[in-house]
Amino acid sequence: MHGRGRIAVVGCGALGSYYGACLTRAGHDVHFLLRSDYAVVRERGVEIREDGGGFLVRPVAAKAPEEIGACDLVVIGLKTTANGEFSRLIPPLVGANTAVLTLQNGLGSEELLADLLGPERVFGGLCFVALNRVAPGVIHHQAYGRIMLGEFRRPASERAARLAGWFRDGGVPCEVVDNLEQAHWEKLVWNIPFNGVGVAAVAGYKSVLAGRCLEGEWRGECAPTDVLLDGGPWEALVRELMMETIAGARAQGLAVEPSVADVQLERTRVIDSYKASTLIDFERRLPLEVETMFGEPLRRIRAAGVSAPRLTALHALLVELDRRVSGQAGELGPR
């Protein structure tokens, strides 16, 4: 056991709830900052369902960060669309020696936290996991769970190793990396195509393959991973986006190998029909993580002098679909 810590989880959807539950299982003093699921978690705890088993834990439920107070570790599982809430939610949880670990997708969250709290506090974690929230306080853990954990703009220290040990004590494979930026881009090799093309497919916009946007029509079909890996045009687009992402990372001096695409594809094929988080948000007509997962990577790729026509078209499509979801949901047709 790597010591016992006081931990706050901010953003208790599927991801935050799962990793928070694992830390609770390891014996830490874990507090969930909750809104809609508060009553359920307070009364029944958090249930993790897994094939062939699962577990139930009872973290402390809180409605406001001031109820929790200063912690040793703050774990952020918020969607990046809620990053504007950082200044309200995080400071009351931070004491003299608090580490703040964001498990969010995309790029830019660590920079925001560093500006708010100081870079020395900030850690990032890349999660390779298939999860869905199936009911209030109930998470289905479908596959995987590994975290790659690093420190913001600096090599990993003993502190990172200690935090990784906390996750491993809870049953989570956790690897410490010295180059968090490279790890982000390796994760984007998966996130950009499977989150983005999943939404493009559900919206019926196959014309994005030709670099054009908004020429399809609403069809209402779902596009989980097995549909995208169809051996046809969707899979071709997935691979093309992966290679654009890898080229953009390498142009920035990051050692993201082309073989990462094959590794990510093979890992995904073994998951039984998984819906990526952006697809679920789109189906529920929630704001999409467009800028952190697609816009900011695209801007950095362009700044490195790399052409990314598929990502350019996909980003433009997602910006428009997000606008429609947020402001004019009726345009997308019947649910």
C-alpha atoms as a PDB file:
ATOM      1  CA  MET A   1       0.000   0.000   0.000  1.00  0.00           C
ATOM      2  CA  HIS A   2       1.402   3.387  -1.044  1.00  0.00           C
ATOM      3  CA  GLY A   3       0.025   5.377   1.897  1.00  0.00           C
ATOM      4  CA  ARG A   4      -3.527   6.623   2.327  1.00  0.00           C
ATOM      5  CA  GLY A   5      -4.629   9.874   0.775  1.00  0.00           C
ATOM      6  CA  ARG A   6      -7.518  12.292   0.922  1.00  0.00           C
ATOM      7  CA  ILE A   7      -8.830  12.514  -2.645  1.00  0.00           C
ATOM      8  CA  ALA A   8     -11.507  14.595  -4.373  1.00  0.00           C
ATOM      9  CA  VAL A   9     -13.062  13.518  -7.669  1.00  0.00           C
ATOM     10  CA  VAL A  10     -14.459  16.400  -9.719  1.00  0.00           C
ATOM     11  CA  GLY A  11     -16.564  15.234 -12.638  1.00  0.00           C
ATOM     12  CA  CYS A  12     -18.209  11.966 -11.645  1.00  0.00           C
ATOM     13  CA  GLY A  13     -19.472  10.645 -14.941  1.00  0.00           C
ATOM     14  CA  ALA A  14     -18.332   7.276 -16.220  1.00  0.00           C
ATOM     15  CA  LEU A  15     -14.620   8.038 -16.129  1.00  0.00           C
ATOM     16  CA  GLY A  16     -14.397   9.939 -12.853  1.00  0.00           C
ATOM     17  CA  SER A  17     -16.704   7.503 -11.090  1.00  0.00           C
ATOM     18  CA  TYR A  18     -14.765   4.458 -12.242  1.00  0.00           C
ATOM     19  CA  TYR A  19     -11.329   5.670 -11.225  1.00  0.00           C
ATOM     20  CA  GLY A  20     -12.697   7.247  -8.063  1.00  0.00           C
ATOM     21  CA  ALA A  21     -14.296   3.908  -7.181  1.00  0.00           C
ATOM     22  CA  CYS A  22     -10.992   2.114  -7.741  1.00  0.00           C
ATOM     23  CA  LEU A  23      -9.205   4.570  -5.431  1.00  0.00           C
ATOM     24  CA  THR A  24     -11.951   4.051  -2.827  1.00  0.00           C
ATOM     25  CA  ARG A  25     -11.487   0.303  -3.129  1.00  0.00           C
ATOM     26  CA  ALA A  26      -7.788   0.809  -2.373  1.00  0.00           C
ATOM     27  CA  GLY A  27      -8.695   2.331   1.005  1.00  0.00           C
ATOM     28  CA  HIS A  28      -8.290   6.044   0.304  1.00  0.00           C
ATOM     29  CA  ASP A  29     -10.560   8.724   1.755  1.00  0.00           C
ATOM     30  CA  VAL A  30     -12.358   9.578  -1.489  1.00  0.00           C
ATOM     31  CA  HIS A  31     -14.919  12.372  -1.882  1.00  0.00           C
ATOM     32  CA  PHE A  32     -17.138  12.645  -4.989  1.00  0.00           C
ATOM     33  CA  LEU A  33     -18.251  16.145  -5.973  1.00  0.00           C
ATOM     34  CA  LEU A  34     -21.702  15.497  -7.432  1.00  0.00           C
ATOM     35  CA  ARG A  35     -24.754  17.156  -8.874  1.00  0.00           C
ATOM     36  CA  SER A  36     -27.476  14.940 -10.357  1.00  0.00           C
ATOM     37  CA  ASP A  37     -26.251  11.658  -8.827  1.00  0.00           C
ATOM     38  CA  TYR A  38     -25.722  13.041  -5.318  1.00  0.00           C
ATOM     39  CA  ALA A  39     -28.709  11.392  -3.634  1.00  0.00           C
ATOM     40  CA  VAL A  40     -28.092   8.005  -5.242  1.00  0.00           C
ATOM     41  CA  VAL A  41     -24.384   7.897  -4.430  1.00  0.00           C
ATOM     42  CA  ARG A  42     -24.956   9.095  -0.880  1.00  0.00           C
ATOM     43  CA  GLU A  43     -27.575   6.390  -0.286  1.00  0.00           C
ATOM     44  CA  ARG A  44     -26.279   3.461  -2.336  1.00  0.00           C
ATOM     45  CA  GLY A  45     -22.662   4.170  -3.215  1.00  0.00           C
ATOM     46  CA  VAL A  46     -21.082   3.615  -6.637  1.00  0.00           C
ATOM     47  CA  GLU A  47     -21.495   0.298  -8.431  1.00  0.00           C
ATOM     48  CA  ILE A  48     -18.958  -0.851 -11.028  1.00  0.00           C
ATOM     49  CA  ARG A  49     -20.321  -3.575 -13.285  1.00  0.00           C
ATOM     50  CA  GLU A  50     -17.864  -5.811 -15.096  1.00  0.00           C
ATOM     51  CA  ASP A  51     -18.227  -9.000 -17.079  1.00  0.00           C
ATOM     52  CA  GLY A  52     -18.190 -11.787 -14.549  1.00  0.00           C
ATOM     53  CA  GLY A  53     -18.350  -9.512 -11.527  1.00  0.00           C
ATOM     54  CA  GLY A  54     -17.862  -5.983 -10.336  1.00  0.00           C
ATOM     55  CA  PHE A  55     -17.761  -4.153  -7.022  1.00  0.00           C
ATOM     56  CA  LEU A  56     -19.577  -1.596  -4.885  1.00  0.00           C
ATOM     57  CA  VAL A  57     -17.929   1.215  -2.925  1.00  0.00           C
ATOM     58  CA  ARG A  58     -19.180   4.068  -0.775  1.00  0.00           C
ATOM     59  CA  PRO A  59     -17.204   7.263  -1.296  1.00  0.00           C
ATOM     60  CA  VAL A  60     -18.241  10.412   0.543  1.00  0.00           C
ATOM     61  CA  ALA A  61     -20.781  12.388  -1.517  1.00  0.00           C
ATOM     62  CA  ALA A  62     -20.593  16.183  -1.559  1.00  0.00           C
ATOM     63  CA  LYS A  63     -22.478  18.912  -3.413  1.00  0.00           C
ATOM     64  CA  ALA A  64     -19.911  21.710  -3.104  1.00  0.00           C
ATOM     65  CA  PRO A  65     -16.091  21.750  -3.028  1.00  0.00           C
ATOM     66  CA  GLU A  66     -16.138  23.709   0.230  1.00  0.00           C
ATOM     67  CA  GLU A  67     -17.739  20.649   1.903  1.00  0.00           C
ATOM     68  CA  ILE A  68     -14.655  18.628   0.999  1.00  0.00           C
ATOM     69  CA  GLY A  69     -11.816  21.069   1.649  1.00  0.00           C
ATOM     70  CA  ALA A  70      -8.124  20.611   0.945  1.00  0.00           C
ATOM     71  CA  CYS A  71      -7.028  17.223  -0.376  1.00  0.00           C
ATOM     72  CA  ASP A  72      -3.810  15.419  -1.216  1.00  0.00           C
ATOM     73  CA  LEU A  73      -5.042  14.728  -4.745  1.00  0.00           C
ATOM     74  CA  VAL A  74      -7.756  16.200  -6.935  1.00  0.00           C
ATOM     75  CA  VAL A  75      -8.808  13.973  -9.848  1.00  0.00           C
ATOM     76  CA  ILE A  76     -10.609  15.810 -12.659  1.00  0.00           C
ATOM     77  CA  GLY A  77     -12.975  13.761 -14.804  1.00  0.00           C
ATOM     78  CA  LEU A  78     -15.023  16.671 -16.167  1.00  0.00           C
ATOM     79  CA  LYS A  79     -15.772  16.974 -19.859  1.00  0.00           C
ATOM     80  CA  THR A  80     -13.563  19.722 -21.242  1.00  0.00           C
ATOM     81  CA  THR A  81     -16.698  21.672 -22.152  1.00  0.00           C
ATOM     82  CA  ALA A  82     -16.890  22.422 -18.400  1.00  0.00           C
ATOM     83  CA  ASN A  83     -13.336  23.782 -18.080  1.00  0.00           C
ATOM     84  CA  GLY A  84     -14.772  27.229 -17.449  1.00  0.00           C
ATOM     85  CA  GLU A  85     -15.754  25.895 -14.015  1.00  0.00           C
ATOM     86  CA  PHE A  86     -12.155  25.243 -12.927  1.00  0.00           C
ATOM     87  CA  SER A  87     -11.819  28.537 -11.042  1.00  0.00           C
ATOM     88  CA  ARG A  88     -14.959  27.827  -9.024  1.00  0.00           C
ATOM     89  CA  LEU A  89     -14.557  24.102  -8.354  1.00  0.00           C
ATOM     90  CA  ILE A  90     -10.836  23.451  -7.883  1.00  0.00           C
ATOM     91  CA  PRO A  91      -9.280  26.111  -5.572  1.00  0.00           C
ATOM     92  CA  PRO A  92     -11.346  25.135  -2.467  1.00  0.00           C
ATOM     93  CA  LEU A  93      -9.871  21.622  -2.793  1.00  0.00           C
ATOM     94  CA  VAL A  94      -6.258  22.768  -2.968  1.00  0.00           C
ATOM     95  CA  GLY A  95      -3.925  22.996   0.016  1.00  0.00           C
ATOM     96  CA  ALA A  96      -0.184  23.546   0.333  1.00  0.00           C
ATOM     97  CA  ASN A  97       0.800  20.150  -1.095  1.00  0.00           C
ATOM     98  CA  THR A  98      -2.148  19.210  -3.320  1.00  0.00           C
ATOM     99  CA  ALA A  99      -1.550  17.478  -6.645  1.00  0.00           C
ATOM    100  CA  VAL A 100      -4.150  18.077  -9.367  1.00  0.00           C
ATOM    101  CA  LEU A 101      -4.532  15.309 -11.938  1.00  0.00           C
ATOM    102  CA  THR A 102      -6.667  15.831 -15.017  1.00  0.00           C
ATOM    103  CA  LEU A 103      -7.865  12.711 -16.821  1.00  0.00           C
ATOM    104  CA  GLN A 104      -9.561  14.747 -19.552  1.00  0.00           C
ATOM    105  CA  ASN A 105      -9.369  14.194 -23.285  1.00  0.00           C
ATOM    106  CA  GLY A 106      -7.621  16.446 -25.744  1.00  0.00           C
ATOM    107  CA  LEU A 107      -5.193  19.327 -25.315  1.00  0.00           C
ATOM    108  CA  GLY A 108      -5.175  22.489 -23.242  1.00  0.00           C
ATOM    109  CA  SER A 109      -6.548  21.483 -19.834  1.00  0.00           C
ATOM    110  CA  GLU A 110      -3.155  21.250 -18.136  1.00  0.00           C
ATOM    111  CA  GLU A 111      -2.280  24.754 -19.362  1.00  0.00           C
ATOM    112  CA  LEU A 112      -5.489  26.155 -17.849  1.00  0.00           C
ATOM    113  CA  LEU A 113      -4.829  24.437 -14.530  1.00  0.00           C
ATOM    114  CA  ALA A 114      -1.205  25.597 -14.487  1.00  0.00           C
ATOM    115  CA  ASP A 115      -2.302  29.198 -15.003  1.00  0.00           C
ATOM    116  CA  LEU A 116      -4.848  28.869 -12.191  1.00  0.00           C
ATOM    117  CA  LEU A 117      -2.909  26.875  -9.619  1.00  0.00           C
ATOM    118  CA  GLY A 118       0.759  26.879 -10.636  1.00  0.00           C
ATOM    119  CA  PRO A 119       2.463  24.366 -12.946  1.00  0.00           C
ATOM    120  CA  GLU A 120       4.152  22.471 -10.119  1.00  0.00           C
ATOM    121  CA  ARG A 121       0.790  21.081  -8.991  1.00  0.00           C
ATOM    122  CA  VAL A 122      -0.399  19.827 -12.366  1.00  0.00           C
ATOM    123  CA  PHE A 123      -0.382  16.228 -13.567  1.00  0.00           C
ATOM    124  CA  GLY A 124      -2.074  14.633 -16.550  1.00  0.00           C
ATOM    125  CA  GLY A 125      -3.350  11.130 -17.118  1.00  0.00           C
ATOM    126  CA  LEU A 126      -4.319   9.440 -20.383  1.00  0.00           C
ATOM    127  CA  CYS A 127      -6.978   6.777 -19.878  1.00  0.00           C
ATOM    128  CA  PHE A 128      -7.282   3.784 -22.176  1.00  0.00           C
ATOM    129  CA  VAL A 129     -10.611   2.381 -21.074  1.00  0.00           C
ATOM    130  CA  ALA A 130     -14.074   1.469 -22.344  1.00  0.00           C
ATOM    131  CA  LEU A 131     -16.736   2.734 -19.914  1.00  0.00           C
ATOM    132  CA  ASN A 132     -20.364   3.806 -19.932  1.00  0.00           C
ATOM    133  CA  ARG A 133     -22.590   5.274 -17.232  1.00  0.00           C
ATOM    134  CA  VAL A 134     -25.709   3.099 -17.442  1.00  0.00           C
ATOM    135  CA  ALA A 135     -27.670   4.602 -14.512  1.00  0.00           C
ATOM    136  CA  PRO A 136     -27.082   7.092 -11.679  1.00  0.00           C
ATOM    137  CA  GLY A 137     -24.177   5.742  -9.651  1.00  0.00           C
ATOM    138  CA  VAL A 138     -23.761   2.716 -11.947  1.00  0.00           C
ATOM    139  CA  ILE A 139     -20.829   2.336 -14.353  1.00  0.00           C
ATOM    140  CA  HIS A 140     -20.324  -0.483 -16.874  1.00  0.00           C
ATOM    141  CA  HIS A 141     -16.616  -1.205 -17.237  1.00  0.00           C
ATOM    142  CA  GLN A 142     -16.410  -2.875 -20.617  1.00  0.00           C
ATOM    143  CA  ALA A 143     -12.671  -3.219 -21.253  1.00  0.00           C
ATOM    144  CA  TYR A 144      -9.173  -1.992 -20.417  1.00  0.00           C
ATOM    145  CA  GLY A 145      -8.488   0.716 -17.818  1.00  0.00           C
ATOM    146  CA  ARG A 146      -4.784   1.599 -18.103  1.00  0.00           C
ATOM    147  CA  ILE A 147      -3.612   5.115 -17.239  1.00  0.00           C
ATOM    148  CA  MET A 148      -0.430   6.767 -18.519  1.00  0.00           C
ATOM    149  CA  LEU A 149       0.421   9.405 -15.922  1.00  0.00           C
ATOM    150  CA  GLY A 150       2.881  12.265 -16.253  1.00  0.00           C
ATOM    151  CA  GLU A 151       3.732  15.739 -15.007  1.00  0.00           C
ATOM    152  CA  PHE A 152       3.062  18.995 -16.813  1.00  0.00           C
ATOM    153  CA  ARG A 153       6.092  20.056 -18.876  1.00  0.00           C
ATOM    154  CA  ARG A 154       8.597  18.194 -16.717  1.00  0.00           C
ATOM    155  CA  PRO A 155       9.902  14.636 -16.277  1.00  0.00           C
ATOM    156  CA  ALA A 156       8.150  12.383 -13.822  1.00  0.00           C
ATOM    157  CA  SER A 157       9.210  12.590 -10.172  1.00  0.00           C
ATOM    158  CA  GLU A 158       8.807  10.379  -7.125  1.00  0.00           C
ATOM    159  CA  ARG A 159       5.496  12.147  -6.556  1.00  0.00           C
ATOM    160  CA  ALA A 160       4.165  10.855  -9.885  1.00  0.00           C
ATOM    161  CA  ALA A 161       5.320   7.371  -8.965  1.00  0.00           C
ATOM    162  CA  ARG A 162       3.461   7.596  -5.653  1.00  0.00           C
ATOM    163  CA  LEU A 163       0.226   8.677  -7.347  1.00  0.00           C
ATOM    164  CA  ALA A 164       0.574   5.872  -9.871  1.00  0.00           C
ATOM    165  CA  GLY A 165       0.962   3.481  -6.959  1.00  0.00           C
ATOM    166  CA  TRP A 166      -2.346   4.676  -5.515  1.00  0.00           C
ATOM    167  CA  PHE A 167      -4.108   3.722  -8.748  1.00  0.00           C
ATOM    168  CA  ARG A 168      -2.328   0.384  -8.963  1.00  0.00           C
ATOM    169  CA  ASP A 169      -3.394  -0.395  -5.386  1.00  0.00           C
ATOM    170  CA  GLY A 170      -6.972   0.028  -6.639  1.00  0.00           C
ATOM    171  CA  GLY A 171      -6.479  -2.460  -9.478  1.00  0.00           C
ATOM    172  CA  VAL A 172      -5.728   0.088 -12.224  1.00  0.00           C
ATOM    173  CA  PRO A 173      -2.660  -0.512 -14.413  1.00  0.00           C
ATOM    174  CA  CYS A 174      -0.831   2.822 -14.269  1.00  0.00           C
ATOM    175  CA  GLU A 175       2.369   3.662 -16.131  1.00  0.00           C
ATOM    176  CA  VAL A 176       4.464   6.755 -15.373  1.00  0.00           C
ATOM    177  CA  VAL A 177       5.755   8.629 -18.430  1.00  0.00           C
ATOM    178  CA  ASP A 178       8.371  11.368 -18.723  1.00  0.00           C
ATOM    179  CA  ASN A 179       6.823  12.980 -21.803  1.00  0.00           C
ATOM    180  CA  LEU A 180       3.173  13.758 -21.113  1.00  0.00           C
ATOM    181  CA  GLU A 181       2.812  15.699 -24.379  1.00  0.00           C
ATOM    182  CA  GLN A 182       3.800  12.668 -26.438  1.00  0.00           C
ATOM    183  CA  ALA A 183       1.369  10.505 -24.494  1.00  0.00           C
ATOM    184  CA  HIS A 184      -1.395  13.007 -25.284  1.00  0.00           C
ATOM    185  CA  TRP A 185      -0.743  12.699 -28.999  1.00  0.00           C
ATOM    186  CA  GLU A 186      -0.642   8.906 -28.865  1.00  0.00           C
ATOM    187  CA  LYS A 187      -4.091   9.031 -27.257  1.00  0.00           C
ATOM    188  CA  LEU A 188      -5.286  11.512 -29.893  1.00  0.00           C
ATOM    189  CA  VAL A 189      -4.418   8.908 -32.532  1.00  0.00           C
ATOM    190  CA  TRP A 190      -7.435   7.019 -31.137  1.00  0.00           C
ATOM    191  CA  ASN A 191      -9.621   9.874 -29.929  1.00  0.00           C
ATOM    192  CA  ILE A 192      -9.698  11.949 -33.094  1.00  0.00           C
ATOM    193  CA  PRO A 193     -10.988   9.238 -35.443  1.00  0.00           C
ATOM    194  CA  PHE A 194     -13.224   7.218 -33.148  1.00  0.00           C
ATOM    195  CA  ASN A 195     -14.850  10.180 -31.423  1.00  0.00           C
ATOM    196  CA  GLY A 196     -15.011  12.326 -34.541  1.00  0.00           C
ATOM    197  CA  VAL A 197     -15.934   9.801 -37.206  1.00  0.00           C
ATOM    198  CA  GLY A 198     -18.429   8.219 -34.821  1.00  0.00           C
ATOM    199  CA  VAL A 199     -20.372  11.467 -34.866  1.00  0.00           C
ATOM    200  CA  ALA A 200     -19.856  12.018 -38.604  1.00  0.00           C
ATOM    201  CA  ALA A 201     -21.254   8.541 -39.239  1.00  0.00           C
ATOM    202  CA  VAL A 202     -24.259   8.926 -36.959  1.00  0.00           C
ATOM    203  CA  ALA A 203     -25.047  12.187 -38.710  1.00  0.00           C
ATOM    204  CA  GLY A 204     -24.783  10.541 -42.120  1.00  0.00           C
ATOM    205  CA  TYR A 205     -22.019  12.764 -43.483  1.00  0.00           C
ATOM    206  CA  LYS A 206     -19.972  10.397 -45.616  1.00  0.00           C
ATOM    207  CA  SER A 207     -19.002  13.332 -47.817  1.00  0.00           C
ATOM    208  CA  VAL A 208     -16.420  14.222 -45.169  1.00  0.00           C
ATOM    209  CA  LEU A 209     -14.377  11.504 -46.895  1.00  0.00           C
ATOM    210  CA  ALA A 210     -13.993  13.854 -49.828  1.00  0.00           C
ATOM    211  CA  GLY A 211     -13.114  16.809 -47.623  1.00  0.00           C
ATOM    212  CA  ARG A 212     -16.547  18.394 -47.883  1.00  0.00           C
ATOM    213  CA  CYS A 213     -18.941  19.076 -45.030  1.00  0.00           C
ATOM    214  CA  LEU A 214     -22.657  19.354 -44.392  1.00  0.00           C
ATOM    215  CA  GLU A 215     -23.878  17.568 -47.500  1.00  0.00           C
ATOM    216  CA  GLY A 216     -25.414  14.581 -45.787  1.00  0.00           C
ATOM    217  CA  GLU A 217     -28.685  14.235 -43.958  1.00  0.00           C
ATOM    218  CA  TRP A 218     -29.683  13.033 -40.501  1.00  0.00           C
ATOM    219  CA  ARG A 219     -30.103   9.241 -40.396  1.00  0.00           C
ATOM    220  CA  GLY A 220     -30.136   8.489 -36.692  1.00  0.00           C
ATOM    221  CA  GLU A 221     -28.012   5.335 -36.855  1.00  0.00           C
ATOM    222  CA  CYS A 222     -25.451   4.764 -34.145  1.00  0.00           C
ATOM    223  CA  ALA A 223     -21.820   4.323 -35.121  1.00  0.00           C
ATOM    224  CA  PRO A 224     -19.927   2.448 -32.401  1.00  0.00           C
ATOM    225  CA  THR A 225     -16.416   1.172 -32.981  1.00  0.00           C
ATOM    226  CA  ASP A 226     -17.403  -2.064 -34.720  1.00  0.00           C
ATOM    227  CA  VAL A 227     -19.442  -0.125 -37.304  1.00  0.00           C
ATOM    228  CA  LEU A 228     -16.509   2.190 -38.014  1.00  0.00           C
ATOM    229  CA  LEU A 229     -14.131  -0.758 -38.430  1.00  0.00           C
ATOM    230  CA  ASP A 230     -16.211  -2.045 -41.333  1.00  0.00           C
ATOM    231  CA  GLY A 231     -13.414  -2.723 -43.798  1.00  0.00           C
ATOM    232  CA  GLY A 232     -14.878   0.002 -45.995  1.00  0.00           C
ATOM    233  CA  PRO A 233     -14.946   3.806 -46.278  1.00  0.00           C
ATOM    234  CA  TRP A 234     -15.396   4.553 -42.563  1.00  0.00           C
ATOM    235  CA  GLU A 235     -12.391   2.418 -41.645  1.00  0.00           C
ATOM    236  CA  ALA A 236     -10.378   4.068 -44.407  1.00  0.00           C
ATOM    237  CA  LEU A 237     -11.201   7.481 -42.952  1.00  0.00           C
ATOM    238  CA  VAL A 238     -10.294   6.300 -39.451  1.00  0.00           C
ATOM    239  CA  ARG A 239      -6.855   5.224 -40.652  1.00  0.00           C
ATOM    240  CA  GLU A 240      -6.305   8.411 -42.677  1.00  0.00           C
ATOM    241  CA  LEU A 241      -7.080  10.538 -39.625  1.00  0.00           C
ATOM    242  CA  MET A 242      -4.726   8.447 -37.523  1.00  0.00           C
ATOM    243  CA  MET A 243      -1.894   9.003 -39.992  1.00  0.00           C
ATOM    244  CA  GLU A 244      -2.552  12.766 -40.160  1.00  0.00           C
ATOM    245  CA  THR A 245      -2.421  12.914 -36.360  1.00  0.00           C
ATOM    246  CA  ILE A 246       0.824  10.957 -36.242  1.00  0.00           C
ATOM    247  CA  ALA A 247       2.383  13.172 -38.923  1.00  0.00           C
ATOM    248  CA  GLY A 248       1.372  16.268 -36.961  1.00  0.00           C
ATOM    249  CA  ALA A 249       2.860  14.901 -33.743  1.00  0.00           C
ATOM    250  CA  ARG A 250       6.143  13.961 -35.418  1.00  0.00           C
ATOM    251  CA  ALA A 251       6.408  17.413 -36.984  1.00  0.00           C
ATOM    252  CA  GLN A 252       6.400  18.807 -33.430  1.00  0.00           C
ATOM    253  CA  GLY A 253       9.358  16.611 -32.508  1.00  0.00           C
ATOM    254  CA  LEU A 254       7.345  13.941 -30.706  1.00  0.00           C
ATOM    255  CA  ALA A 255       8.357  10.323 -31.236  1.00  0.00           C
ATOM    256  CA  VAL A 256       4.911   8.976 -32.118  1.00  0.00           C
ATOM    257  CA  GLU A 257       5.584   6.013 -34.361  1.00  0.00           C
ATOM    258  CA  PRO A 258       3.351   5.137 -37.368  1.00  0.00           C
ATOM    259  CA  SER A 259       2.870   1.676 -35.824  1.00  0.00           C
ATOM    260  CA  VAL A 260       0.744   3.317 -33.093  1.00  0.00           C
ATOM    261  CA  ALA A 261      -2.128   3.330 -35.602  1.00  0.00           C
ATOM    262  CA  ASP A 262      -2.039  -0.448 -36.029  1.00  0.00           C
ATOM    263  CA  VAL A 263      -1.776  -0.994 -32.276  1.00  0.00           C
ATOM    264  CA  GLN A 264      -4.813   1.246 -31.624  1.00  0.00           C
ATOM    265  CA  LEU A 265      -6.853  -0.423 -34.364  1.00  0.00           C
ATOM    266  CA  GLU A 266      -6.163  -3.922 -33.076  1.00  0.00           C
ATOM    267  CA  ARG A 267      -6.972  -2.951 -29.491  1.00  0.00           C
ATOM    268  CA  THR A 268     -10.259  -1.480 -30.674  1.00  0.00           C
ATOM    269  CA  ARG A 269     -11.298  -4.530 -32.693  1.00  0.00           C
ATOM    270  CA  VAL A 270     -11.501  -6.660 -29.539  1.00  0.00           C
ATOM    271  CA  ILE A 271     -14.010  -4.290 -27.870  1.00  0.00           C
ATOM    272  CA  ASP A 272     -17.587  -5.363 -28.413  1.00  0.00           C
ATOM    273  CA  SER A 273     -19.340  -2.413 -30.112  1.00  0.00           C
ATOM    274  CA  TYR A 274     -18.127   0.499 -27.977  1.00  0.00           C
ATOM    275  CA  LYS A 275     -19.544   4.012 -28.272  1.00  0.00           C
ATOM    276  CA  ALA A 276     -16.936   6.739 -27.810  1.00  0.00           C
ATOM    277  CA  SER A 277     -17.783   9.577 -25.429  1.00  0.00           C
ATOM    278  CA  THR A 278     -18.377  12.214 -28.109  1.00  0.00           C
ATOM    279  CA  LEU A 279     -20.893   9.970 -29.836  1.00  0.00           C
ATOM    280  CA  ILE A 280     -22.801   9.509 -26.581  1.00  0.00           C
ATOM    281  CA  ASP A 281     -22.792  13.278 -25.996  1.00  0.00           C
ATOM    282  CA  PHE A 282     -24.075  13.848 -29.532  1.00  0.00           C
ATOM    283  CA  GLU A 283     -26.889  11.336 -29.110  1.00  0.00           C
ATOM    284  CA  ARG A 284     -27.868  13.035 -25.853  1.00  0.00           C
ATOM    285  CA  ARG A 285     -27.596  16.475 -27.478  1.00  0.00           C
ATOM    286  CA  LEU A 286     -24.929  17.648 -25.082  1.00  0.00           C
ATOM    287  CA  PRO A 287     -22.102  20.050 -25.982  1.00  0.00           C
ATOM    288  CA  LEU A 288     -19.252  18.292 -27.772  1.00  0.00           C
ATOM    289  CA  GLU A 289     -15.560  18.447 -26.830  1.00  0.00           C
ATOM    290  CA  VAL A 290     -14.775  19.938 -30.225  1.00  0.00           C
ATOM    291  CA  GLU A 291     -11.973  22.375 -29.471  1.00  0.00           C
ATOM    292  CA  THR A 292      -9.865  20.374 -27.038  1.00  0.00           C
ATOM    293  CA  MET A 293     -10.087  17.107 -28.983  1.00  0.00           C
ATOM    294  CA  PHE A 294     -10.086  18.402 -32.567  1.00  0.00           C
ATOM    295  CA  GLY A 295      -9.584  22.176 -32.820  1.00  0.00           C
ATOM    296  CA  GLU A 296      -6.484  22.576 -30.651  1.00  0.00           C
ATOM    297  CA  PRO A 297      -4.697  19.535 -32.155  1.00  0.00           C
ATOM    298  CA  LEU A 298      -5.493  20.879 -35.626  1.00  0.00           C
ATOM    299  CA  ARG A 299      -4.084  24.306 -34.760  1.00  0.00           C
ATOM    300  CA  ARG A 300      -0.866  22.754 -33.480  1.00  0.00           C
ATOM    301  CA  ILE A 301      -0.566  20.498 -36.538  1.00  0.00           C
ATOM    302  CA  ARG A 302      -0.952  23.489 -38.849  1.00  0.00           C
ATOM    303  CA  ALA A 303       1.565  25.494 -36.823  1.00  0.00           C
ATOM    304  CA  ALA A 304       4.047  22.658 -37.387  1.00  0.00           C
ATOM    305  CA  GLY A 305       3.556  23.024 -41.145  1.00  0.00           C
ATOM    306  CA  VAL A 306       1.586  19.828 -41.758  1.00  0.00           C
ATOM    307  CA  SER A 307      -1.442  19.623 -44.026  1.00  0.00           C
ATOM    308  CA  ALA A 308      -4.345  17.727 -42.431  1.00  0.00           C
ATOM    309  CA  PRO A 309      -7.258  17.875 -44.907  1.00  0.00           C
ATOM    310  CA  ARG A 310      -9.295  15.104 -43.300  1.00  0.00           C
ATOM    311  CA  LEU A 311      -9.003  16.595 -39.807  1.00  0.00           C
ATOM    312  CA  THR A 312      -9.720  20.063 -41.200  1.00  0.00           C
ATOM    313  CA  ALA A 313     -12.953  18.819 -42.777  1.00  0.00           C
ATOM    314  CA  LEU A 314     -13.927  16.798 -39.709  1.00  0.00           C
ATOM    315  CA  HIS A 315     -13.340  19.721 -37.357  1.00  0.00           C
ATOM    316  CA  ALA A 316     -15.482  22.026 -39.505  1.00  0.00           C
ATOM    317  CA  LEU A 317     -18.247  19.437 -39.568  1.00  0.00           C
ATOM    318  CA  LEU A 318     -18.153  18.944 -35.803  1.00  0.00           C
ATOM    319  CA  VAL A 319     -18.210  22.693 -35.145  1.00  0.00           C
ATOM    320  CA  GLU A 320     -21.393  22.961 -37.190  1.00  0.00           C
ATOM    321  CA  LEU A 321     -23.017  19.894 -35.632  1.00  0.00           C
ATOM    322  CA  ASP A 322     -22.131  21.168 -32.159  1.00  0.00           C
ATOM    323  CA  ARG A 323     -23.761  24.484 -33.013  1.00  0.00           C
ATOM    324  CA  ARG A 324     -26.886  22.670 -34.096  1.00  0.00           C
ATOM    325  CA  VAL A 325     -26.929  20.438 -31.015  1.00  0.00           C
ATOM    326  CA  SER A 326     -26.427  23.386 -28.663  1.00  0.00           C
ATOM    327  CA  GLY A 327     -28.683  25.940 -30.310  1.00  0.00           C
ATOM    328  CA  GLN A 328     -31.024  24.358 -32.797  1.00  0.00           C
ATOM    329  CA  ALA A 329     -31.410  20.710 -31.824  1.00  0.00           C
ATOM    330  CA  GLY A 330     -34.599  20.316 -33.841  1.00  0.00           C
ATOM    331  CA  GLU A 331     -32.646  20.615 -37.082  1.00  0.00           C
ATOM    332  CA  LEU A 332     -31.088  17.223 -36.439  1.00  0.00           C
ATOM    333  CA  GLY A 333     -34.352  15.373 -36.847  1.00  0.00           C
ATOM    334  CA  PRO A 334     -36.400  13.046 -34.646  1.00  0.00           C
ATOM    335  CA  ARG A 335     -34.907  11.178 -31.728  1.00  0.00           C
END
